[in-house]
Amino acid sequence: MLPFLNGVDAPDELASTFGERSVLGGLSRIFSEIESPGVIRHLNPGAYIECGELNGERSSRVETLADVFRGAGSRRSQ
């Protein structure tokens, strides 16, 4: 799970229920608005997404996720 929620408690709360191995930490900087039902208008190019393991280590699953984000046109760092 990669929660993108306001606040800083969500990853730890999810990890306490589902286990640390099931959760990544992350943040995003995406400026958008709902233009109409089912239509999202992006207000800035190149959304920024950062994610990583809760323990700070590098992992192949985070690198795989980074490839997916890059393929979708998002900037990302770990």
PDB file of N, CA and C in Angstrom:
ATOM      1  N   MET A   1       0.832  -1.154   0.000  1.00  0.00           N
ATOM      2  CA  MET A   1       0.000   0.000   0.000  1.00  0.00           C
ATOM      3  C   MET A   1       0.887   1.229   0.000  1.00  0.00           C
ATOM      4  N   LEU A   2       0.464   2.224  -0.761  1.00  0.00           N
ATOM      5  CA  LEU A   2       1.173   3.501  -0.802  1.00  0.00           C
ATOM      6  C   LEU A   2       0.150   4.605  -0.564  1.00  0.00           C
ATOM      7  N   PRO A   3      -0.062   4.980   0.705  1.00  0.00           N
ATOM      8  CA  PRO A   3      -1.086   5.979   0.997  1.00  0.00           C
ATOM      9  C   PRO A   3      -0.626   7.390   0.636  1.00  0.00           C
ATOM     10  N   PHE A   4      -1.484   8.133  -0.009  1.00  0.00           N
ATOM     11  CA  PHE A   4      -1.268   9.554  -0.275  1.00  0.00           C
ATOM     12  C   PHE A   4      -2.386  10.305   0.440  1.00  0.00           C
ATOM     13  N   LEU A   5      -2.211  10.493   1.736  1.00  0.00           N
ATOM     14  CA  LEU A   5      -3.232  11.103   2.582  1.00  0.00           C
ATOM     15  C   LEU A   5      -2.631  12.283   3.324  1.00  0.00           C
ATOM     16  N   ASN A   6      -3.462  13.220   3.716  1.00  0.00           N
ATOM     17  CA  ASN A   6      -2.986  14.314   4.554  1.00  0.00           C
ATOM     18  C   ASN A   6      -2.554  13.760   5.900  1.00  0.00           C
ATOM     19  N   GLY A   7      -1.504  14.320   6.443  1.00  0.00           N
ATOM     20  CA  GLY A   7      -1.010  13.873   7.736  1.00  0.00           C
ATOM     21  C   GLY A   7       0.155  12.917   7.578  1.00  0.00           C
ATOM     22  N   VAL A   8       0.756  12.562   8.698  1.00  0.00           N
ATOM     23  CA  VAL A   8       1.946  11.714   8.663  1.00  0.00           C
ATOM     24  C   VAL A   8       1.744  10.361   9.332  1.00  0.00           C
ATOM     25  N   ASP A   9       0.571  10.083   9.842  1.00  0.00           N
ATOM     26  CA  ASP A   9       0.341   8.858  10.599  1.00  0.00           C
ATOM     27  C   ASP A   9      -0.090   7.662   9.761  1.00  0.00           C
ATOM     28  N   ALA A  10      -0.616   7.892   8.583  1.00  0.00           N
ATOM     29  CA  ALA A  10      -1.216   6.805   7.798  1.00  0.00           C
ATOM     30  C   ALA A  10      -0.271   5.630   7.552  1.00  0.00           C
ATOM     31  N   PRO A  11       0.977   5.837   7.097  1.00  0.00           N
ATOM     32  CA  PRO A  11       1.834   4.671   6.851  1.00  0.00           C
ATOM     33  C   PRO A  11       2.060   3.824   8.101  1.00  0.00           C
ATOM     34  N   ASP A  12       2.314   4.466   9.237  1.00  0.00           N
ATOM     35  CA  ASP A  12       2.537   3.711  10.470  1.00  0.00           C
ATOM     36  C   ASP A  12       1.278   2.990  10.934  1.00  0.00           C
ATOM     37  N   GLU A  13       0.136   3.634  10.799  1.00  0.00           N
ATOM     38  CA  GLU A  13      -1.122   2.989  11.186  1.00  0.00           C
ATOM     39  C   GLU A  13      -1.401   1.777  10.305  1.00  0.00           C
ATOM     40  N   LEU A  14      -1.175   1.917   8.998  1.00  0.00           N
ATOM     41  CA  LEU A  14      -1.375   0.779   8.094  1.00  0.00           C
ATOM     42  C   LEU A  14      -0.378  -0.331   8.394  1.00  0.00           C
ATOM     43  N   ALA A  15       0.877   0.038   8.669  1.00  0.00           N
ATOM     44  CA  ALA A  15       1.898  -0.964   8.972  1.00  0.00           C
ATOM     45  C   ALA A  15       1.569  -1.726  10.246  1.00  0.00           C
ATOM     46  N   SER A  16       0.976  -1.063  11.227  1.00  0.00           N
ATOM     47  CA  SER A  16       0.632  -1.763  12.470  1.00  0.00           C
ATOM     48  C   SER A  16      -0.470  -2.794  12.246  1.00  0.00           C
ATOM     49  N   THR A  17      -1.295  -2.579  11.234  1.00  0.00           N
ATOM     50  CA  THR A  17      -2.373  -3.518  10.928  1.00  0.00           C
ATOM     51  C   THR A  17      -1.948  -4.584   9.932  1.00  0.00           C
ATOM     52  N   PHE A  18      -1.259  -4.167   8.858  1.00  0.00           N
ATOM     53  CA  PHE A  18      -0.950  -5.076   7.754  1.00  0.00           C
ATOM     54  C   PHE A  18       0.504  -5.524   7.703  1.00  0.00           C
ATOM     55  N   GLY A  19       1.361  -4.951   8.531  1.00  0.00           N
ATOM     56  CA  GLY A  19       2.776  -5.284   8.529  1.00  0.00           C
ATOM     57  C   GLY A  19       3.568  -4.295   7.688  1.00  0.00           C
ATOM     58  N   GLU A  20       4.772  -3.977   8.173  1.00  0.00           N
ATOM     59  CA  GLU A  20       5.613  -2.985   7.498  1.00  0.00           C
ATOM     60  C   GLU A  20       5.925  -3.374   6.060  1.00  0.00           C
ATOM     61  N   ARG A  21       6.039  -4.657   5.803  1.00  0.00           N
ATOM     62  CA  ARG A  21       6.368  -5.127   4.449  1.00  0.00           C
ATOM     63  C   ARG A  21       5.249  -4.820   3.451  1.00  0.00           C
ATOM     64  N   SER A  22       4.056  -4.528   3.915  1.00  0.00           N
ATOM     65  CA  SER A  22       2.917  -4.260   3.032  1.00  0.00           C
ATOM     66  C   SER A  22       2.715  -2.779   2.732  1.00  0.00           C
ATOM     67  N   VAL A  23       3.550  -1.910   3.323  1.00  0.00           N
ATOM     68  CA  VAL A  23       3.296  -0.472   3.236  1.00  0.00           C
ATOM     69  C   VAL A  23       4.550   0.274   2.798  1.00  0.00           C
ATOM     70  N   LEU A  24       4.364   1.261   1.945  1.00  0.00           N
ATOM     71  CA  LEU A  24       5.413   2.210   1.580  1.00  0.00           C
ATOM     72  C   LEU A  24       4.993   3.584   2.083  1.00  0.00           C
ATOM     73  N   GLY A  25       5.969   4.440   2.295  1.00  0.00           N
ATOM     74  CA  GLY A  25       5.676   5.827   2.624  1.00  0.00           C
ATOM     75  C   GLY A  25       5.773   6.659   1.359  1.00  0.00           C
ATOM     76  N   GLY A  26       5.026   7.739   1.294  1.00  0.00           N
ATOM     77  CA  GLY A  26       5.104   8.561   0.093  1.00  0.00           C
ATOM     78  C   GLY A  26       4.502   9.932   0.259  1.00  0.00           C
ATOM     79  N   LEU A  27       4.831  10.776  -0.699  1.00  0.00           N
ATOM     80  CA  LEU A  27       4.231  12.097  -0.782  1.00  0.00           C
ATOM     81  C   LEU A  27       4.089  12.451  -2.251  1.00  0.00           C
ATOM     82  N   SER A  28       3.220  13.382  -2.520  1.00  0.00           N
ATOM     83  CA  SER A  28       3.026  13.800  -3.911  1.00  0.00           C
ATOM     84  C   SER A  28       2.823  15.305  -3.974  1.00  0.00           C
ATOM     85  N   ARG A  29       3.203  15.854  -5.089  1.00  0.00           N
ATOM     86  CA  ARG A  29       2.940  17.262  -5.380  1.00  0.00           C
ATOM     87  C   ARG A  29       2.258  17.292  -6.736  1.00  0.00           C
ATOM     88  N   ILE A  30       0.960  17.282  -6.687  1.00  0.00           N
ATOM     89  CA  ILE A  30       0.153  17.242  -7.901  1.00  0.00           C
ATOM     90  C   ILE A  30      -0.905  18.339  -7.781  1.00  0.00           C
ATOM     91  N   PHE A  31      -0.895  19.273  -8.703  1.00  0.00           N
ATOM     92  CA  PHE A  31      -1.886  20.341  -8.702  1.00  0.00           C
ATOM     93  C   PHE A  31      -2.906  20.036  -9.783  1.00  0.00           C
ATOM     94  N   SER A  32      -4.127  19.757  -9.364  1.00  0.00           N
ATOM     95  CA  SER A  32      -5.172  19.415 -10.322  1.00  0.00           C
ATOM     96  C   SER A  32      -6.525  19.813  -9.753  1.00  0.00           C
ATOM     97  N   GLU A  33      -7.519  19.750 -10.617  1.00  0.00           N
ATOM     98  CA  GLU A  33      -8.879  20.037 -10.182  1.00  0.00           C
ATOM     99  C   GLU A  33      -9.846  19.176 -10.980  1.00  0.00           C
ATOM    100  N   ILE A  34     -11.005  18.962 -10.414  1.00  0.00           N
ATOM    101  CA  ILE A  34     -12.050  18.240 -11.128  1.00  0.00           C
ATOM    102  C   ILE A  34     -12.725  19.240 -12.054  1.00  0.00           C
ATOM    103  N   GLU A  35     -12.543  19.021 -13.344  1.00  0.00           N
ATOM    104  CA  GLU A  35     -13.141  19.918 -14.336  1.00  0.00           C
ATOM    105  C   GLU A  35     -14.618  19.594 -14.544  1.00  0.00           C
ATOM    106  N   SER A  36     -14.917  18.321 -14.592  1.00  0.00           N
ATOM    107  CA  SER A  36     -16.284  17.828 -14.705  1.00  0.00           C
ATOM    108  C   SER A  36     -16.253  16.372 -14.248  1.00  0.00           C
ATOM    109  N   PRO A  37     -17.387  15.748 -14.040  1.00  0.00           N
ATOM    110  CA  PRO A  37     -17.376  14.358 -13.585  1.00  0.00           C
ATOM    111  C   PRO A  37     -16.521  13.470 -14.504  1.00  0.00           C
ATOM    112  N   GLY A  38     -15.536  12.819 -13.901  1.00  0.00           N
ATOM    113  CA  GLY A  38     -14.664  11.925 -14.653  1.00  0.00           C
ATOM    114  C   GLY A  38     -13.537  12.611 -15.400  1.00  0.00           C
ATOM    115  N   VAL A  39     -13.416  13.937 -15.283  1.00  0.00           N
ATOM    116  CA  VAL A  39     -12.368  14.680 -15.996  1.00  0.00           C
ATOM    117  C   VAL A  39     -11.530  15.455 -14.979  1.00  0.00           C
ATOM    118  N   ILE A  40     -10.236  15.123 -14.915  1.00  0.00           N
ATOM    119  CA  ILE A  40      -9.300  15.803 -14.028  1.00  0.00           C
ATOM    120  C   ILE A  40      -8.391  16.679 -14.881  1.00  0.00           C
ATOM    121  N   ARG A  41      -8.293  17.942 -14.533  1.00  0.00           N
ATOM    122  CA  ARG A  41      -7.429  18.865 -15.265  1.00  0.00           C
ATOM    123  C   ARG A  41      -6.185  19.112 -14.421  1.00  0.00           C
ATOM    124  N   HIS A  42      -5.009  18.820 -15.002  1.00  0.00           N
ATOM    125  CA  HIS A  42      -3.740  19.046 -14.317  1.00  0.00           C
ATOM    126  C   HIS A  42      -3.324  20.492 -14.518  1.00  0.00           C
ATOM    127  N   LEU A  43      -2.946  21.147 -13.432  1.00  0.00           N
ATOM    128  CA  LEU A  43      -2.624  22.563 -13.473  1.00  0.00           C
ATOM    129  C   LEU A  43      -1.128  22.831 -13.580  1.00  0.00           C
ATOM    130  N   ASN A  44      -0.304  21.803 -13.445  1.00  0.00           N
ATOM    131  CA  ASN A  44       1.132  21.961 -13.642  1.00  0.00           C
ATOM    132  C   ASN A  44       1.681  20.714 -14.318  1.00  0.00           C
ATOM    133  N   PRO A  45       2.677  20.868 -15.151  1.00  0.00           N
ATOM    134  CA  PRO A  45       3.255  19.691 -15.809  1.00  0.00           C
ATOM    135  C   PRO A  45       4.161  18.921 -14.847  1.00  0.00           C
ATOM    136  N   GLY A  46       4.272  17.641 -15.080  1.00  0.00           N
ATOM    137  CA  GLY A  46       5.230  16.829 -14.334  1.00  0.00           C
ATOM    138  C   GLY A  46       4.936  16.687 -12.860  1.00  0.00           C
ATOM    139  N   ALA A  47       3.921  15.945 -12.532  1.00  0.00           N
ATOM    140  CA  ALA A  47       3.632  15.667 -11.124  1.00  0.00           C
ATOM    141  C   ALA A  47       4.871  15.063 -10.470  1.00  0.00           C
ATOM    142  N   TYR A  48       5.040  15.342  -9.203  1.00  0.00           N
ATOM    143  CA  TYR A  48       6.188  14.843  -8.452  1.00  0.00           C
ATOM    144  C   TYR A  48       5.691  13.855  -7.415  1.00  0.00           C
ATOM    145  N   ILE A  49       6.274  12.671  -7.414  1.00  0.00           N
ATOM    146  CA  ILE A  49       5.900  11.637  -6.454  1.00  0.00           C
ATOM    147  C   ILE A  49       7.171  11.093  -5.830  1.00  0.00           C
ATOM    148  N   GLU A  50       7.176  11.000  -4.522  1.00  0.00           N
ATOM    149  CA  GLU A  50       8.313  10.425  -3.810  1.00  0.00           C
ATOM    150  C   GLU A  50       7.795   9.283  -2.955  1.00  0.00           C
ATOM    151  N   CYS A  51       8.513   8.168  -2.957  1.00  0.00           N
ATOM    152  CA  CYS A  51       8.094   7.038  -2.140  1.00  0.00           C
ATOM    153  C   CYS A  51       9.307   6.232  -1.728  1.00  0.00           C
ATOM    154  N   GLY A  52       9.123   5.413  -0.718  1.00  0.00           N
ATOM    155  CA  GLY A  52      10.212   4.571  -0.260  1.00  0.00           C
ATOM    156  C   GLY A  52       9.756   3.637   0.841  1.00  0.00           C
ATOM    157  N   GLU A  53      10.651   2.736   1.178  1.00  0.00           N
ATOM    158  CA  GLU A  53      10.395   1.808   2.272  1.00  0.00           C
ATOM    159  C   GLU A  53      10.346   2.589   3.581  1.00  0.00           C
ATOM    160  N   LEU A  54       9.551   2.138   4.521  1.00  0.00           N
ATOM    161  CA  LEU A  54       9.425   2.828   5.799  1.00  0.00           C
ATOM    162  C   LEU A  54      10.737   2.836   6.580  1.00  0.00           C
ATOM    163  N   ASN A  55      11.588   1.835   6.354  1.00  0.00           N
ATOM    164  CA  ASN A  55      12.865   1.775   7.065  1.00  0.00           C
ATOM    165  C   ASN A  55      13.974   2.543   6.341  1.00  0.00           C
ATOM    166  N   GLY A  56      13.654   3.183   5.210  1.00  0.00           N
ATOM    167  CA  GLY A  56      14.628   3.990   4.481  1.00  0.00           C
ATOM    168  C   GLY A  56      15.531   3.226   3.534  1.00  0.00           C
ATOM    169  N   GLU A  57      15.432   1.906   3.496  1.00  0.00           N
ATOM    170  CA  GLU A  57      16.286   1.112   2.612  1.00  0.00           C
ATOM    171  C   GLU A  57      15.775   1.155   1.175  1.00  0.00           C
ATOM    172  N   ARG A  58      16.687   0.946   0.226  1.00  0.00           N
ATOM    173  CA  ARG A  58      16.311   0.827  -1.181  1.00  0.00           C
ATOM    174  C   ARG A  58      15.767  -0.586  -1.401  1.00  0.00           C
ATOM    175  N   SER A  59      14.841  -0.716  -2.341  1.00  0.00           N
ATOM    176  CA  SER A  59      14.293  -2.040  -2.627  1.00  0.00           C
ATOM    177  C   SER A  59      13.903  -2.139  -4.093  1.00  0.00           C
ATOM    178  N   SER A  60      13.837  -3.358  -4.578  1.00  0.00           N
ATOM    179  CA  SER A  60      13.456  -3.566  -5.976  1.00  0.00           C
ATOM    180  C   SER A  60      11.995  -3.195  -6.202  1.00  0.00           C
ATOM    181  N   ARG A  61      11.150  -3.372  -5.202  1.00  0.00           N
ATOM    182  CA  ARG A  61       9.743  -3.022  -5.417  1.00  0.00           C
ATOM    183  C   ARG A  61       9.552  -1.512  -5.551  1.00  0.00           C
ATOM    184  N   VAL A  62      10.335  -0.724  -4.834  1.00  0.00           N
ATOM    185  CA  VAL A  62      10.255   0.730  -4.982  1.00  0.00           C
ATOM    186  C   VAL A  62      10.805   1.140  -6.341  1.00  0.00           C
ATOM    187  N   GLU A  63      11.881   0.503  -6.784  1.00  0.00           N
ATOM    188  CA  GLU A  63      12.428   0.816  -8.112  1.00  0.00           C
ATOM    189  C   GLU A  63      11.436   0.445  -9.213  1.00  0.00           C
ATOM    190  N   THR A  64      10.744  -0.673  -9.061  1.00  0.00           N
ATOM    191  CA  THR A  64       9.719  -1.057 -10.037  1.00  0.00           C
ATOM    192  C   THR A  64       8.595  -0.033 -10.060  1.00  0.00           C
ATOM    193  N   LEU A  65       8.168   0.404  -8.899  1.00  0.00           N
ATOM    194  CA  LEU A  65       7.130   1.427  -8.816  1.00  0.00           C
ATOM    195  C   LEU A  65       7.609   2.737  -9.445  1.00  0.00           C
ATOM    196  N   ALA A  66       8.870   3.069  -9.246  1.00  0.00           N
ATOM    197  CA  ALA A  66       9.439   4.279  -9.858  1.00  0.00           C
ATOM    198  C   ALA A  66       9.362   4.202 -11.370  1.00  0.00           C
ATOM    199  N   ASP A  67       9.645   3.034 -11.927  1.00  0.00           N
ATOM    200  CA  ASP A  67       9.543   2.857 -13.381  1.00  0.00           C
ATOM    201  C   ASP A  67       8.117   3.100 -13.866  1.00  0.00           C
ATOM    202  N   VAL A  68       7.144   2.639 -13.106  1.00  0.00           N
ATOM    203  CA  VAL A  68       5.736   2.856 -13.466  1.00  0.00           C
ATOM    204  C   VAL A  68       5.411   4.348 -13.437  1.00  0.00           C
ATOM    205  N   PHE A  69       5.839   5.032 -12.383  1.00  0.00           N
ATOM    206  CA  PHE A  69       5.596   6.475 -12.287  1.00  0.00           C
ATOM    207  C   PHE A  69       6.258   7.225 -13.438  1.00  0.00           C
ATOM    208  N   ARG A  70       7.514   6.874 -13.738  1.00  0.00           N
ATOM    209  CA  ARG A  70       8.215   7.534 -14.851  1.00  0.00           C
ATOM    210  C   ARG A  70       7.507   7.271 -16.166  1.00  0.00           C
ATOM    211  N   GLY A  71       7.029   6.059 -16.379  1.00  0.00           N
ATOM    212  CA  GLY A  71       6.307   5.714 -17.597  1.00  0.00           C
ATOM    213  C   GLY A  71       5.025   6.510 -17.761  1.00  0.00           C
ATOM    214  N   ALA A  72       4.459   6.943 -16.631  1.00  0.00           N
ATOM    215  CA  ALA A  72       3.237   7.752 -16.667  1.00  0.00           C
ATOM    216  C   ALA A  72       3.546   9.246 -16.760  1.00  0.00           C
ATOM    217  N   GLY A  73       4.837   9.590 -16.837  1.00  0.00           N
ATOM    218  CA  GLY A  73       5.223  10.990 -16.986  1.00  0.00           C
ATOM    219  C   GLY A  73       5.448  11.735 -15.688  1.00  0.00           C
ATOM    220  N   SER A  74       5.523  11.029 -14.577  1.00  0.00           N
ATOM    221  CA  SER A  74       5.756  11.678 -13.285  1.00  0.00           C
ATOM    222  C   SER A  74       7.241  11.732 -12.982  1.00  0.00           C
ATOM    223  N   ARG A  75       7.639  12.806 -12.328  1.00  0.00           N
ATOM    224  CA  ARG A  75       8.995  12.870 -11.792  1.00  0.00           C
ATOM    225  C   ARG A  75       8.961  12.151 -10.455  1.00  0.00           C
ATOM    226  N   ARG A  76      10.072  11.568 -10.076  1.00  0.00           N
ATOM    227  CA  ARG A  76      10.083  10.794  -8.848  1.00  0.00           C
ATOM    228  C   ARG A  76      11.492  10.700  -8.302  1.00  0.00           C
ATOM    229  N   SER A  77      11.625  10.684  -7.006  1.00  0.00           N
ATOM    230  CA  SER A  77      12.904  10.393  -6.373  1.00  0.00           C
ATOM    231  C   SER A  77      12.641   9.479  -5.203  1.00  0.00           C
ATOM    232  N   GLN A  78      13.707   8.819  -4.740  1.00  0.00           N
ATOM    233  CA  GLN A  78      13.546   7.924  -3.591  1.00  0.00           C
ATOM    234  C   GLN A  78      14.315   8.478  -2.434  1.00  0.00           C
TER     235      GLN A  78
END
